C-alpha cells in the first residue's frame, strides 16, 4: 500500500501556541515503545443479561439512552458479550440503572423481570497480547464524560481546533475505505485516526476517543451559536422533537469542519455498537478521560499496531528551537 505522506498536513496543522511546544513539525515517525507495565484495575459496572431473541431490541434501548446523554454527563456502553443462553450488555452508570432502561427492557421481555448485576471490569486496556489473554475475563471499559463547564473559545482557538480536526478528516479521506487505518499522535496522545476495521475490537474502538476533546468544545460553541443553552443537569431526549438539537446539513458540515457526522448513526458520537468510519468522515465523541483507558500512552498505541497490522501509528517530530 502506498505510504502516507504527512508533509502537506503538517504545513496546515495547528497545534498549541509556540510557547507550549518545542518547534514546528518537520516529520512524523512510527511509535515503537520499549516498555510495558500496567496492572489490572477494576471498577464496577452494571450487566444486563438478556435473552438472545430480544438482545438486539434491548441493545437499541440502551444505545438510545447513551445518545440521549450526549449533551450532559453520561457513561459509555461497552460492546455486548454473548454467553451460551444470554447476551450480556455492560453499562456504566453513576449509581443505579436508569428506570427508563429497566422499564423498557422489561416491557420487551414480555413484562418479565430481567437479571441485572454489578460486575467489575478492567479500567484500562491491555497493552500486550499476553495481557489481553490474561485479562479476557475483565471487559475493557471505555466511557466518556463531557465537561459541563466549558470556557468560551477565542477566535484563534476555534480556528485552531477546526484545523486540528481537518487533519483527521484528511486522514479519513486517505484511509477511510480501504482495509487499513492510521492513527496520528502528538505528544504521545492520539489526535486523529481512521480505518474501517476500527469498529470491532475494543482496543480499536478506543482510538475513536482520539479527537473528542476538541470536537466536544467545538460542538459546545456551535450549540451556543444556535441558541441552545444546556444546564449542568439537562439532557435532550432524542425522541423529543421540540427539544432535539438540529442536525447539521451537508453544507454546514462542509462549513464547520469541527462537526463530523457518521452516515450510519443519528448522533454526533453514536455508541460502540457497529462503529465505523466512513470515507471522508471521522466519528467524533465528546471529551477524553485520561483515567479510563483511552489510548494515551505509547505502550497502548503500540498495542493497537501489534494487534492489527493494518494500523500505522505515528508521532510528531518537531524542530528544536535554537537558544
C-alpha atoms as a PDB file:
ATOM      1  CA  UNK A   1       0.000   0.000   0.000  1.00  0.00           C
ATOM      2  CA  UNK A   2       1.191   3.474  -0.797  1.00  0.00           C
ATOM      3  CA  UNK A   3       2.842   5.096   2.175  1.00  0.00           C
ATOM      4  CA  UNK A   4       1.140   8.159   3.580  1.00  0.00           C
ATOM      5  CA  UNK A   5       2.957  11.472   3.414  1.00  0.00           C
ATOM      6  CA  UNK A   6       2.209  13.955   6.142  1.00  0.00           C
ATOM      7  CA  UNK A   7       4.131  16.997   4.997  1.00  0.00           C
ATOM      8  CA  UNK A   8       1.098  18.623   3.355  1.00  0.00           C
ATOM      9  CA  UNK A   9      -0.872  18.111   6.543  1.00  0.00           C
ATOM     10  CA  UNK A  10       1.992  19.314   8.665  1.00  0.00           C
ATOM     11  CA  UNK A  11       2.090  22.616   6.829  1.00  0.00           C
ATOM     12  CA  UNK A  12      -1.556  23.252   7.720  1.00  0.00           C
ATOM     13  CA  UNK A  13      -1.571  21.601  11.122  1.00  0.00           C
ATOM     14  CA  UNK A  14      -2.448  23.805  14.057  1.00  0.00           C
ATOM     15  CA  UNK A  15      -1.223  22.834  17.493  1.00  0.00           C
ATOM     16  CA  UNK A  16      -0.827  24.759  20.756  1.00  0.00           C
ATOM     17  CA  UNK A  17       0.932  28.102  20.656  1.00  0.00           C
ATOM     18  CA  UNK A  18       4.728  28.230  20.171  1.00  0.00           C
ATOM     19  CA  UNK A  19       5.214  28.836  23.875  1.00  0.00           C
ATOM     20  CA  UNK A  20       3.700  25.413  24.519  1.00  0.00           C
ATOM     21  CA  UNK A  21       5.807  23.418  22.081  1.00  0.00           C
ATOM     22  CA  UNK A  22       9.443  22.964  21.145  1.00  0.00           C
ATOM     23  CA  UNK A  23       9.168  23.896  17.494  1.00  0.00           C
ATOM     24  CA  UNK A  24       7.488  23.363  14.155  1.00  0.00           C
ATOM     25  CA  UNK A  25       6.513  19.906  12.970  1.00  0.00           C
ATOM     26  CA  UNK A  26       9.069  18.665  10.476  1.00  0.00           C
ATOM     27  CA  UNK A  27       8.140  14.994  10.201  1.00  0.00           C
ATOM     28  CA  UNK A  28       6.097  12.098  11.579  1.00  0.00           C
ATOM     29  CA  UNK A  29       7.615   8.816  12.680  1.00  0.00           C
ATOM     30  CA  UNK A  30       6.307   5.467  13.810  1.00  0.00           C
ATOM     31  CA  UNK A  31       5.896   4.939  17.526  1.00  0.00           C
ATOM     32  CA  UNK A  32       7.854   1.973  18.881  1.00  0.00           C
ATOM     33  CA  UNK A  33       7.665   1.822  22.670  1.00  0.00           C
ATOM     34  CA  UNK A  34      10.197  -0.188  24.608  1.00  0.00           C
ATOM     35  CA  UNK A  35       8.389  -0.661  27.926  1.00  0.00           C
ATOM     36  CA  UNK A  36       5.138  -2.198  29.058  1.00  0.00           C
ATOM     37  CA  UNK A  37       3.642  -2.267  32.504  1.00  0.00           C
ATOM     38  CA  UNK A  38       0.073  -1.785  33.529  1.00  0.00           C
ATOM     39  CA  UNK A  39      -1.678  -3.728  36.284  1.00  0.00           C
ATOM     40  CA  UNK A  40      -5.318  -4.719  36.242  1.00  0.00           C
ATOM     41  CA  UNK A  41      -7.514  -2.008  37.751  1.00  0.00           C
ATOM     42  CA  UNK A  42     -11.154  -2.972  38.247  1.00  0.00           C
ATOM     43  CA  UNK A  43     -14.161  -0.672  38.504  1.00  0.00           C
ATOM     44  CA  UNK A  44     -17.884  -1.511  38.845  1.00  0.00           C
ATOM     45  CA  UNK A  45     -20.460  -1.501  36.066  1.00  0.00           C
ATOM     46  CA  UNK A  46     -23.921  -2.975  35.579  1.00  0.00           C
ATOM     47  CA  UNK A  47     -24.526  -6.063  33.473  1.00  0.00           C
ATOM     48  CA  UNK A  48     -27.931  -6.767  31.918  1.00  0.00           C
ATOM     49  CA  UNK A  49     -28.473 -10.417  30.988  1.00  0.00           C
ATOM     50  CA  UNK A  50     -30.844 -10.535  28.028  1.00  0.00           C
ATOM     51  CA  UNK A  51     -32.281 -13.438  26.038  1.00  0.00           C
ATOM     52  CA  UNK A  52     -30.724 -13.704  22.610  1.00  0.00           C
ATOM     53  CA  UNK A  53     -34.008 -13.313  20.767  1.00  0.00           C
ATOM     54  CA  UNK A  54     -34.628  -9.859  22.271  1.00  0.00           C
ATOM     55  CA  UNK A  55     -30.994  -8.772  22.594  1.00  0.00           C
ATOM     56  CA  UNK A  56     -30.933  -6.512  19.537  1.00  0.00           C
ATOM     57  CA  UNK A  57     -34.042  -4.617  20.589  1.00  0.00           C
ATOM     58  CA  UNK A  58     -32.751  -4.207  24.147  1.00  0.00           C
ATOM     59  CA  UNK A  59     -29.381  -3.077  22.854  1.00  0.00           C
ATOM     60  CA  UNK A  60     -31.100  -0.355  20.856  1.00  0.00           C
ATOM     61  CA  UNK A  61     -32.835   0.841  24.031  1.00  0.00           C
ATOM     62  CA  UNK A  62     -29.506   1.166  25.810  1.00  0.00           C
ATOM     63  CA  UNK A  63     -27.928   2.765  22.759  1.00  0.00           C
ATOM     64  CA  UNK A  64     -30.692   5.384  22.575  1.00  0.00           C
ATOM     65  CA  UNK A  65     -30.125   6.174  26.241  1.00  0.00           C
ATOM     66  CA  UNK A  66     -26.419   6.686  25.584  1.00  0.00           C
ATOM     67  CA  UNK A  67     -27.196   9.010  22.685  1.00  0.00           C
ATOM     68  CA  UNK A  68     -29.651  10.998  24.788  1.00  0.00           C
ATOM     69  CA  UNK A  69     -26.916  11.732  27.321  1.00  0.00           C
ATOM     70  CA  UNK A  70     -24.501  13.306  24.855  1.00  0.00           C
ATOM     71  CA  UNK A  71     -25.487  16.794  25.957  1.00  0.00           C
ATOM     72  CA  UNK A  72     -24.869  16.174  29.649  1.00  0.00           C
ATOM     73  CA  UNK A  73     -22.838  13.743  31.733  1.00  0.00           C
ATOM     74  CA  UNK A  74     -23.201  10.157  30.615  1.00  0.00           C
ATOM     75  CA  UNK A  75     -21.439   6.831  30.764  1.00  0.00           C
ATOM     76  CA  UNK A  76     -20.467   4.775  27.807  1.00  0.00           C
ATOM     77  CA  UNK A  77     -21.920   1.488  26.652  1.00  0.00           C
ATOM     78  CA  UNK A  78     -19.481  -1.376  26.317  1.00  0.00           C
ATOM     79  CA  UNK A  79     -19.990  -3.757  23.432  1.00  0.00           C
ATOM     80  CA  UNK A  80     -22.209  -6.672  24.404  1.00  0.00           C
ATOM     81  CA  UNK A  81     -20.855 -10.125  25.206  1.00  0.00           C
ATOM     82  CA  UNK A  82     -22.579 -13.382  24.292  1.00  0.00           C
ATOM     83  CA  UNK A  83     -22.816 -16.428  26.537  1.00  0.00           C
ATOM     84  CA  UNK A  84     -24.488 -19.777  25.884  1.00  0.00           C
ATOM     85  CA  UNK A  85     -28.017 -18.597  26.607  1.00  0.00           C
ATOM     86  CA  UNK A  86     -27.878 -14.850  27.062  1.00  0.00           C
ATOM     87  CA  UNK A  87     -26.377 -11.666  25.738  1.00  0.00           C
ATOM     88  CA  UNK A  88     -24.768  -9.500  28.386  1.00  0.00           C
ATOM     89  CA  UNK A  89     -24.947  -5.739  27.915  1.00  0.00           C
ATOM     90  CA  UNK A  90     -22.478  -3.832  30.049  1.00  0.00           C
ATOM     91  CA  UNK A  91     -23.397  -0.309  31.094  1.00  0.00           C
ATOM     92  CA  UNK A  92     -21.654   2.154  33.375  1.00  0.00           C
ATOM     93  CA  UNK A  93     -23.882   4.448  35.410  1.00  0.00           C
ATOM     94  CA  UNK A  94     -23.207   6.681  38.379  1.00  0.00           C
ATOM     95  CA  UNK A  95     -25.444   4.912  40.908  1.00  0.00           C
ATOM     96  CA  UNK A  96     -28.317   2.810  39.613  1.00  0.00           C
ATOM     97  CA  UNK A  97     -29.643   1.583  36.297  1.00  0.00           C
ATOM     98  CA  UNK A  98     -31.953   4.310  34.917  1.00  0.00           C
ATOM     99  CA  UNK A  99     -35.634   3.478  35.394  1.00  0.00           C
ATOM    100  CA  UNK A 100     -36.397   4.163  31.738  1.00  0.00           C
ATOM    101  CA  UNK A 101     -33.973   1.476  30.632  1.00  0.00           C
ATOM    102  CA  UNK A 102     -35.253  -1.005  33.193  1.00  0.00           C
ATOM    103  CA  UNK A 103     -38.905  -0.427  32.251  1.00  0.00           C
ATOM    104  CA  UNK A 104     -38.330  -0.629  28.504  1.00  0.00           C
ATOM    105  CA  UNK A 105     -36.228  -3.769  28.721  1.00  0.00           C
ATOM    106  CA  UNK A 106     -38.780  -5.476  30.991  1.00  0.00           C
ATOM    107  CA  UNK A 107     -41.531  -4.479  28.555  1.00  0.00           C
ATOM    108  CA  UNK A 108     -39.583  -6.032  25.680  1.00  0.00           C
ATOM    109  CA  UNK A 109     -39.159  -9.148  27.837  1.00  0.00           C
ATOM    110  CA  UNK A 110     -42.959  -9.663  27.976  1.00  0.00           C
ATOM    111  CA  UNK A 111     -43.227  -7.809  31.300  1.00  0.00           C
ATOM    112  CA  UNK A 112     -40.924 -10.342  32.955  1.00  0.00           C
ATOM    113  CA  UNK A 113     -38.073  -9.111  35.124  1.00  0.00           C
ATOM    114  CA  UNK A 114     -34.507  -9.437  33.900  1.00  0.00           C
ATOM    115  CA  UNK A 115     -31.236 -10.127  35.662  1.00  0.00           C
ATOM    116  CA  UNK A 116     -29.184  -7.030  36.413  1.00  0.00           C
ATOM    117  CA  UNK A 117     -25.983  -7.493  38.362  1.00  0.00           C
ATOM    118  CA  UNK A 118     -22.992  -5.415  39.270  1.00  0.00           C
ATOM    119  CA  UNK A 119     -19.732  -6.627  37.761  1.00  0.00           C
ATOM    120  CA  UNK A 120     -16.166  -5.408  37.957  1.00  0.00           C
ATOM    121  CA  UNK A 121     -14.367  -4.706  34.734  1.00  0.00           C
ATOM    122  CA  UNK A 122     -10.912  -3.678  33.643  1.00  0.00           C
ATOM    123  CA  UNK A 123     -10.446   0.075  33.787  1.00  0.00           C
ATOM    124  CA  UNK A 124      -7.557   0.053  31.321  1.00  0.00           C
ATOM    125  CA  UNK A 125      -6.998  -1.703  28.035  1.00  0.00           C
ATOM    126  CA  UNK A 126      -4.332  -4.425  27.946  1.00  0.00           C
ATOM    127  CA  UNK A 127      -1.104  -3.357  26.272  1.00  0.00           C
ATOM    128  CA  UNK A 128       0.301  -6.712  25.172  1.00  0.00           C
ATOM    129  CA  UNK A 129      -1.124  -9.886  23.659  1.00  0.00           C
ATOM    130  CA  UNK A 130      -0.272 -11.745  26.862  1.00  0.00           C
ATOM    131  CA  UNK A 131      -2.125  -9.208  28.975  1.00  0.00           C
ATOM    132  CA  UNK A 132      -5.086  -9.376  26.630  1.00  0.00           C
ATOM    133  CA  UNK A 133      -5.325 -13.145  27.138  1.00  0.00           C
ATOM    134  CA  UNK A 134      -4.848 -12.879  30.899  1.00  0.00           C
ATOM    135  CA  UNK A 135      -7.410 -10.099  31.255  1.00  0.00           C
ATOM    136  CA  UNK A 136     -10.033 -11.650  28.974  1.00  0.00           C
ATOM    137  CA  UNK A 137     -12.337 -12.257  31.946  1.00  0.00           C
ATOM    138  CA  UNK A 138     -12.419  -8.499  32.545  1.00  0.00           C
ATOM    139  CA  UNK A 139     -14.038  -6.391  29.887  1.00  0.00           C
ATOM    140  CA  UNK A 140     -12.040  -3.303  28.961  1.00  0.00           C
ATOM    141  CA  UNK A 141     -14.030  -0.213  29.840  1.00  0.00           C
ATOM    142  CA  UNK A 142     -14.218   2.937  27.786  1.00  0.00           C
ATOM    143  CA  UNK A 143     -16.616   5.609  28.991  1.00  0.00           C
ATOM    144  CA  UNK A 144     -16.706   9.314  28.360  1.00  0.00           C
ATOM    145  CA  UNK A 145     -17.937  12.175  30.479  1.00  0.00           C
ATOM    146  CA  UNK A 146     -18.098  15.618  28.886  1.00  0.00           C
ATOM    147  CA  UNK A 147     -17.218  18.626  30.968  1.00  0.00           C
ATOM    148  CA  UNK A 148     -20.297  20.677  31.807  1.00  0.00           C
ATOM    149  CA  UNK A 149     -18.407  23.904  32.383  1.00  0.00           C
ATOM    150  CA  UNK A 150     -16.561  24.874  29.221  1.00  0.00           C
ATOM    151  CA  UNK A 151     -14.763  28.188  28.741  1.00  0.00           C
ATOM    152  CA  UNK A 152     -15.594  30.466  25.850  1.00  0.00           C
ATOM    153  CA  UNK A 153     -13.212  29.810  22.999  1.00  0.00           C
ATOM    154  CA  UNK A 154     -11.389  32.675  21.351  1.00  0.00           C
ATOM    155  CA  UNK A 155     -11.499  33.070  17.583  1.00  0.00           C
ATOM    156  CA  UNK A 156      -7.906  31.869  17.427  1.00  0.00           C
ATOM    157  CA  UNK A 157      -8.733  28.763  19.452  1.00  0.00           C
ATOM    158  CA  UNK A 158     -11.746  27.931  17.294  1.00  0.00           C
ATOM    159  CA  UNK A 159      -9.693  28.247  14.133  1.00  0.00           C
ATOM    160  CA  UNK A 160      -7.004  26.102  15.721  1.00  0.00           C
ATOM    161  CA  UNK A 161      -9.487  23.392  16.688  1.00  0.00           C
ATOM    162  CA  UNK A 162     -11.180  23.352  13.284  1.00  0.00           C
ATOM    163  CA  UNK A 163      -7.838  22.947  11.524  1.00  0.00           C
ATOM    164  CA  UNK A 164      -6.925  20.365  14.120  1.00  0.00           C
ATOM    165  CA  UNK A 165      -9.957  18.266  13.146  1.00  0.00           C
ATOM    166  CA  UNK A 166      -9.295  18.866   9.470  1.00  0.00           C
ATOM    167  CA  UNK A 167      -6.185  16.749   9.908  1.00  0.00           C
ATOM    168  CA  UNK A 168      -8.297  13.788  10.923  1.00  0.00           C
ATOM    169  CA  UNK A 169     -10.756  14.386   8.086  1.00  0.00           C
ATOM    170  CA  UNK A 170      -7.898  14.375   5.578  1.00  0.00           C
ATOM    171  CA  UNK A 171      -6.664  11.127   7.065  1.00  0.00           C
ATOM    172  CA  UNK A 172     -10.186   9.751   6.779  1.00  0.00           C
ATOM    173  CA  UNK A 173     -10.221  10.564   3.072  1.00  0.00           C
ATOM    174  CA  UNK A 174      -6.896   8.801   2.648  1.00  0.00           C
ATOM    175  CA  UNK A 175      -7.675   5.638   4.595  1.00  0.00           C
ATOM    176  CA  UNK A 176     -11.422   5.565   5.153  1.00  0.00           C
ATOM    177  CA  UNK A 177     -12.479   2.989   2.567  1.00  0.00           C
ATOM    178  CA  UNK A 178      -9.587   0.548   2.464  1.00  0.00           C
ATOM    179  CA  UNK A 179      -8.569  -2.238   4.825  1.00  0.00           C
ATOM    180  CA  UNK A 180      -6.074  -0.117   6.652  1.00  0.00           C
ATOM    181  CA  UNK A 181      -6.024   2.612   9.206  1.00  0.00           C
ATOM    182  CA  UNK A 182      -3.944   5.433  10.516  1.00  0.00           C
ATOM    183  CA  UNK A 183      -3.502   6.930  13.946  1.00  0.00           C
ATOM    184  CA  UNK A 184      -1.835  10.313  14.198  1.00  0.00           C
ATOM    185  CA  UNK A 185      -0.346  11.204  17.562  1.00  0.00           C
ATOM    186  CA  UNK A 186       1.007  14.335  19.133  1.00  0.00           C
ATOM    187  CA  UNK A 187       2.878  14.371  22.428  1.00  0.00           C
ATOM    188  CA  UNK A 188       2.243  10.611  22.705  1.00  0.00           C
ATOM    189  CA  UNK A 189      -1.521  11.157  22.522  1.00  0.00           C
ATOM    190  CA  UNK A 190      -3.722  10.177  19.629  1.00  0.00           C
ATOM    191  CA  UNK A 191      -5.197  13.183  17.892  1.00  0.00           C
ATOM    192  CA  UNK A 192      -6.709  11.607  14.801  1.00  0.00           C
ATOM    193  CA  UNK A 193      -7.475   8.188  13.433  1.00  0.00           C
ATOM    194  CA  UNK A 194      -9.281   6.457  10.629  1.00  0.00           C
ATOM    195  CA  UNK A 195      -9.933   2.976   9.293  1.00  0.00           C
ATOM    196  CA  UNK A 196     -12.886   0.724   8.573  1.00  0.00           C
ATOM    197  CA  UNK A 197     -11.588  -2.040  10.819  1.00  0.00           C
ATOM    198  CA  UNK A 198     -11.668   0.215  13.856  1.00  0.00           C
ATOM    199  CA  UNK A 199     -15.181  -0.946  14.657  1.00  0.00           C
ATOM    200  CA  UNK A 200     -14.886  -4.475  16.041  1.00  0.00           C
ATOM    201  CA  UNK A 201     -12.089  -4.795  18.554  1.00  0.00           C
ATOM    202  CA  UNK A 202     -12.398  -2.910  21.864  1.00  0.00           C
ATOM    203  CA  UNK A 203      -8.857  -1.604  21.540  1.00  0.00           C
ATOM    204  CA  UNK A 204      -9.566  -0.344  18.055  1.00  0.00           C
ATOM    205  CA  UNK A 205     -12.790   1.176  19.292  1.00  0.00           C
ATOM    206  CA  UNK A 206     -10.871   3.042  21.963  1.00  0.00           C
ATOM    207  CA  UNK A 207      -8.981   5.079  19.389  1.00  0.00           C
ATOM    208  CA  UNK A 208     -12.272   6.701  18.384  1.00  0.00           C
ATOM    209  CA  UNK A 209     -11.866   8.721  21.561  1.00  0.00           C
ATOM    210  CA  UNK A 210      -8.847  10.347  19.978  1.00  0.00           C
ATOM    211  CA  UNK A 211     -10.155  13.731  18.872  1.00  0.00           C
ATOM    212  CA  UNK A 212     -13.147  14.000  21.178  1.00  0.00           C
ATOM    213  CA  UNK A 213     -11.976  16.822  23.440  1.00  0.00           C
ATOM    214  CA  UNK A 214     -11.570  19.370  20.684  1.00  0.00           C
ATOM    215  CA  UNK A 215     -14.684  18.115  18.916  1.00  0.00           C
ATOM    216  CA  UNK A 216     -16.817  18.481  22.020  1.00  0.00           C
ATOM    217  CA  UNK A 217     -15.636  22.028  22.626  1.00  0.00           C
ATOM    218  CA  UNK A 218     -16.428  22.970  19.046  1.00  0.00           C
ATOM    219  CA  UNK A 219     -19.856  21.418  19.268  1.00  0.00           C
ATOM    220  CA  UNK A 220     -20.417  23.268  22.525  1.00  0.00           C
ATOM    221  CA  UNK A 221     -19.664  26.540  20.763  1.00  0.00           C
ATOM    222  CA  UNK A 222     -21.909  25.564  17.852  1.00  0.00           C
ATOM    223  CA  UNK A 223     -24.819  24.909  20.240  1.00  0.00           C
ATOM    224  CA  UNK A 224     -24.307  28.343  21.796  1.00  0.00           C
ATOM    225  CA  UNK A 225     -24.297  29.909  18.324  1.00  0.00           C
ATOM    226  CA  UNK A 226     -27.572  28.128  17.553  1.00  0.00           C
ATOM    227  CA  UNK A 227     -29.047  29.439  20.797  1.00  0.00           C
ATOM    228  CA  UNK A 228     -29.213  26.060  22.521  1.00  0.00           C
ATOM    229  CA  UNK A 229     -28.245  26.505  26.158  1.00  0.00           C
ATOM    230  CA  UNK A 230     -27.759  23.371  28.231  1.00  0.00           C
ATOM    231  CA  UNK A 231     -27.615  23.445  32.005  1.00  0.00           C
ATOM    232  CA  UNK A 232     -25.417  21.199  34.092  1.00  0.00           C
ATOM    233  CA  UNK A 233     -28.168  18.668  34.758  1.00  0.00           C
ATOM    234  CA  UNK A 234     -30.019  18.941  31.482  1.00  0.00           C
ATOM    235  CA  UNK A 235     -30.041  16.481  28.633  1.00  0.00           C
ATOM    236  CA  UNK A 236     -32.094  16.446  25.463  1.00  0.00           C
ATOM    237  CA  UNK A 237     -34.069  13.269  24.684  1.00  0.00           C
ATOM    238  CA  UNK A 238     -33.527  12.348  21.053  1.00  0.00           C
ATOM    239  CA  UNK A 239     -37.146  11.290  20.762  1.00  0.00           C
ATOM    240  CA  UNK A 240     -38.454  14.728  21.736  1.00  0.00           C
ATOM    241  CA  UNK A 241     -38.696  16.673  18.509  1.00  0.00           C
ATOM    242  CA  UNK A 242     -39.267  20.047  20.178  1.00  0.00           C
ATOM    243  CA  UNK A 243     -36.091  19.744  22.236  1.00  0.00           C
ATOM    244  CA  UNK A 244     -33.917  17.977  19.743  1.00  0.00           C
ATOM    245  CA  UNK A 245     -30.754  19.745  18.723  1.00  0.00           C
ATOM    246  CA  UNK A 246     -30.934  20.374  14.971  1.00  0.00           C
ATOM    247  CA  UNK A 247     -28.623  18.150  12.977  1.00  0.00           C
ATOM    248  CA  UNK A 248     -26.096  19.685  10.644  1.00  0.00           C
ATOM    249  CA  UNK A 249     -26.795  19.728   6.937  1.00  0.00           C
ATOM    250  CA  UNK A 250     -24.181  18.704   4.406  1.00  0.00           C
ATOM    251  CA  UNK A 251     -23.435  22.373   3.785  1.00  0.00           C
ATOM    252  CA  UNK A 252     -22.985  23.066   7.487  1.00  0.00           C
ATOM    253  CA  UNK A 253     -20.716  20.055   7.790  1.00  0.00           C
ATOM    254  CA  UNK A 254     -18.634  21.463   4.977  1.00  0.00           C
ATOM    255  CA  UNK A 255     -18.501  24.889   6.601  1.00  0.00           C
ATOM    256  CA  UNK A 256     -17.950  23.662  10.140  1.00  0.00           C
ATOM    257  CA  UNK A 257     -15.280  21.005   9.840  1.00  0.00           C
ATOM    258  CA  UNK A 258     -15.351  20.550  13.574  1.00  0.00           C
ATOM    259  CA  UNK A 259     -18.698  18.782  13.429  1.00  0.00           C
ATOM    260  CA  UNK A 260     -18.473  15.484  11.596  1.00  0.00           C
ATOM    261  CA  UNK A 261     -21.437  13.138  11.481  1.00  0.00           C
ATOM    262  CA  UNK A 262     -21.392   9.496  10.527  1.00  0.00           C
ATOM    263  CA  UNK A 263     -23.931   8.482   7.922  1.00  0.00           C
ATOM    264  CA  UNK A 264     -24.775   5.372   9.936  1.00  0.00           C
ATOM    265  CA  UNK A 265     -25.857   6.955  13.211  1.00  0.00           C
ATOM    266  CA  UNK A 266     -28.191   9.721  14.308  1.00  0.00           C
ATOM    267  CA  UNK A 267     -25.879  11.112  16.957  1.00  0.00           C
ATOM    268  CA  UNK A 268     -22.671  13.062  16.700  1.00  0.00           C
ATOM    269  CA  UNK A 269     -20.960  10.306  18.616  1.00  0.00           C
ATOM    270  CA  UNK A 270     -23.032   7.161  18.497  1.00  0.00           C
ATOM    271  CA  UNK A 271     -22.160   4.195  20.642  1.00  0.00           C
ATOM    272  CA  UNK A 272     -19.615   1.435  20.424  1.00  0.00           C
ATOM    273  CA  UNK A 273     -22.133  -0.750  18.611  1.00  0.00           C
ATOM    274  CA  UNK A 274     -21.405  -1.035  14.892  1.00  0.00           C
ATOM    275  CA  UNK A 275     -18.989   1.863  14.996  1.00  0.00           C
ATOM    276  CA  UNK A 276     -17.478   2.626  11.625  1.00  0.00           C
ATOM    277  CA  UNK A 277     -15.527   5.359   9.933  1.00  0.00           C
ATOM    278  CA  UNK A 278     -16.802   6.290   6.504  1.00  0.00           C
ATOM    279  CA  UNK A 279     -14.893   7.891   3.669  1.00  0.00           C
ATOM    280  CA  UNK A 280     -14.009  11.464   4.495  1.00  0.00           C
ATOM    281  CA  UNK A 281     -15.618  11.139   7.884  1.00  0.00           C
ATOM    282  CA  UNK A 282     -14.022  10.548  11.246  1.00  0.00           C
ATOM    283  CA  UNK A 283     -16.528   9.938  14.028  1.00  0.00           C
ATOM    284  CA  UNK A 284     -16.068  12.257  16.949  1.00  0.00           C
ATOM    285  CA  UNK A 285     -17.080  11.797  20.535  1.00  0.00           C
ATOM    286  CA  UNK A 286     -17.196  14.220  23.429  1.00  0.00           C
ATOM    287  CA  UNK A 287     -14.227  14.570  25.727  1.00  0.00           C
ATOM    288  CA  UNK A 288     -11.232  12.465  26.585  1.00  0.00           C
ATOM    289  CA  UNK A 289     -10.987  10.977  30.051  1.00  0.00           C
ATOM    290  CA  UNK A 290      -7.347  10.168  30.676  1.00  0.00           C
ATOM    291  CA  UNK A 291      -8.196   7.879  33.582  1.00  0.00           C
ATOM    292  CA  UNK A 292     -10.462   5.459  31.779  1.00  0.00           C
ATOM    293  CA  UNK A 293      -8.379   3.537  29.300  1.00  0.00           C
ATOM    294  CA  UNK A 294      -8.473   5.781  26.255  1.00  0.00           C
ATOM    295  CA  UNK A 295      -5.291   5.130  24.342  1.00  0.00           C
ATOM    296  CA  UNK A 296      -2.918   7.817  25.551  1.00  0.00           C
ATOM    297  CA  UNK A 297       0.363   6.027  26.220  1.00  0.00           C
ATOM    298  CA  UNK A 298       2.976   4.868  23.752  1.00  0.00           C
ATOM    299  CA  UNK A 299       2.517   1.335  25.026  1.00  0.00           C
ATOM    300  CA  UNK A 300      -1.167   1.328  24.201  1.00  0.00           C
ATOM    301  CA  UNK A 301      -0.515   2.875  20.825  1.00  0.00           C
ATOM    302  CA  UNK A 302       1.892   0.066  20.104  1.00  0.00           C
ATOM    303  CA  UNK A 303      -0.712  -2.454  21.224  1.00  0.00           C
ATOM    304  CA  UNK A 304      -3.070  -1.258  18.518  1.00  0.00           C
ATOM    305  CA  UNK A 305      -0.310  -1.582  15.970  1.00  0.00           C
ATOM    306  CA  UNK A 306       0.572  -5.078  17.193  1.00  0.00           C
ATOM    307  CA  UNK A 307      -2.985  -6.394  17.335  1.00  0.00           C
ATOM    308  CA  UNK A 308      -3.932  -5.061  13.935  1.00  0.00           C
ATOM    309  CA  UNK A 309      -1.133  -4.716  11.446  1.00  0.00           C
ATOM    310  CA  UNK A 310      -3.280  -2.518   9.219  1.00  0.00           C
ATOM    311  CA  UNK A 311      -2.840   0.328  11.648  1.00  0.00           C
ATOM    312  CA  UNK A 312       0.011   2.768  11.338  1.00  0.00           C
ATOM    313  CA  UNK A 313       0.937   4.715  14.460  1.00  0.00           C
ATOM    314  CA  UNK A 314       2.884   7.963  14.274  1.00  0.00           C
ATOM    315  CA  UNK A 315       4.109  10.737  16.485  1.00  0.00           C
ATOM    316  CA  UNK A 316       5.065  14.256  15.533  1.00  0.00           C
ATOM    317  CA  UNK A 317       8.729  15.183  15.165  1.00  0.00           C
ATOM    318  CA  UNK A 318       9.405  18.808  15.984  1.00  0.00           C
ATOM    319  CA  UNK A 319      12.303  21.061  15.146  1.00  0.00           C
ATOM    320  CA  UNK A 320      14.134  22.074  18.301  1.00  0.00           C
ATOM    321  CA  UNK A 321      14.354  25.792  18.801  1.00  0.00           C
ATOM    322  CA  UNK A 322      17.766  27.352  18.840  1.00  0.00           C
ATOM    323  CA  UNK A 323      18.670  29.080  22.078  1.00  0.00           C
END
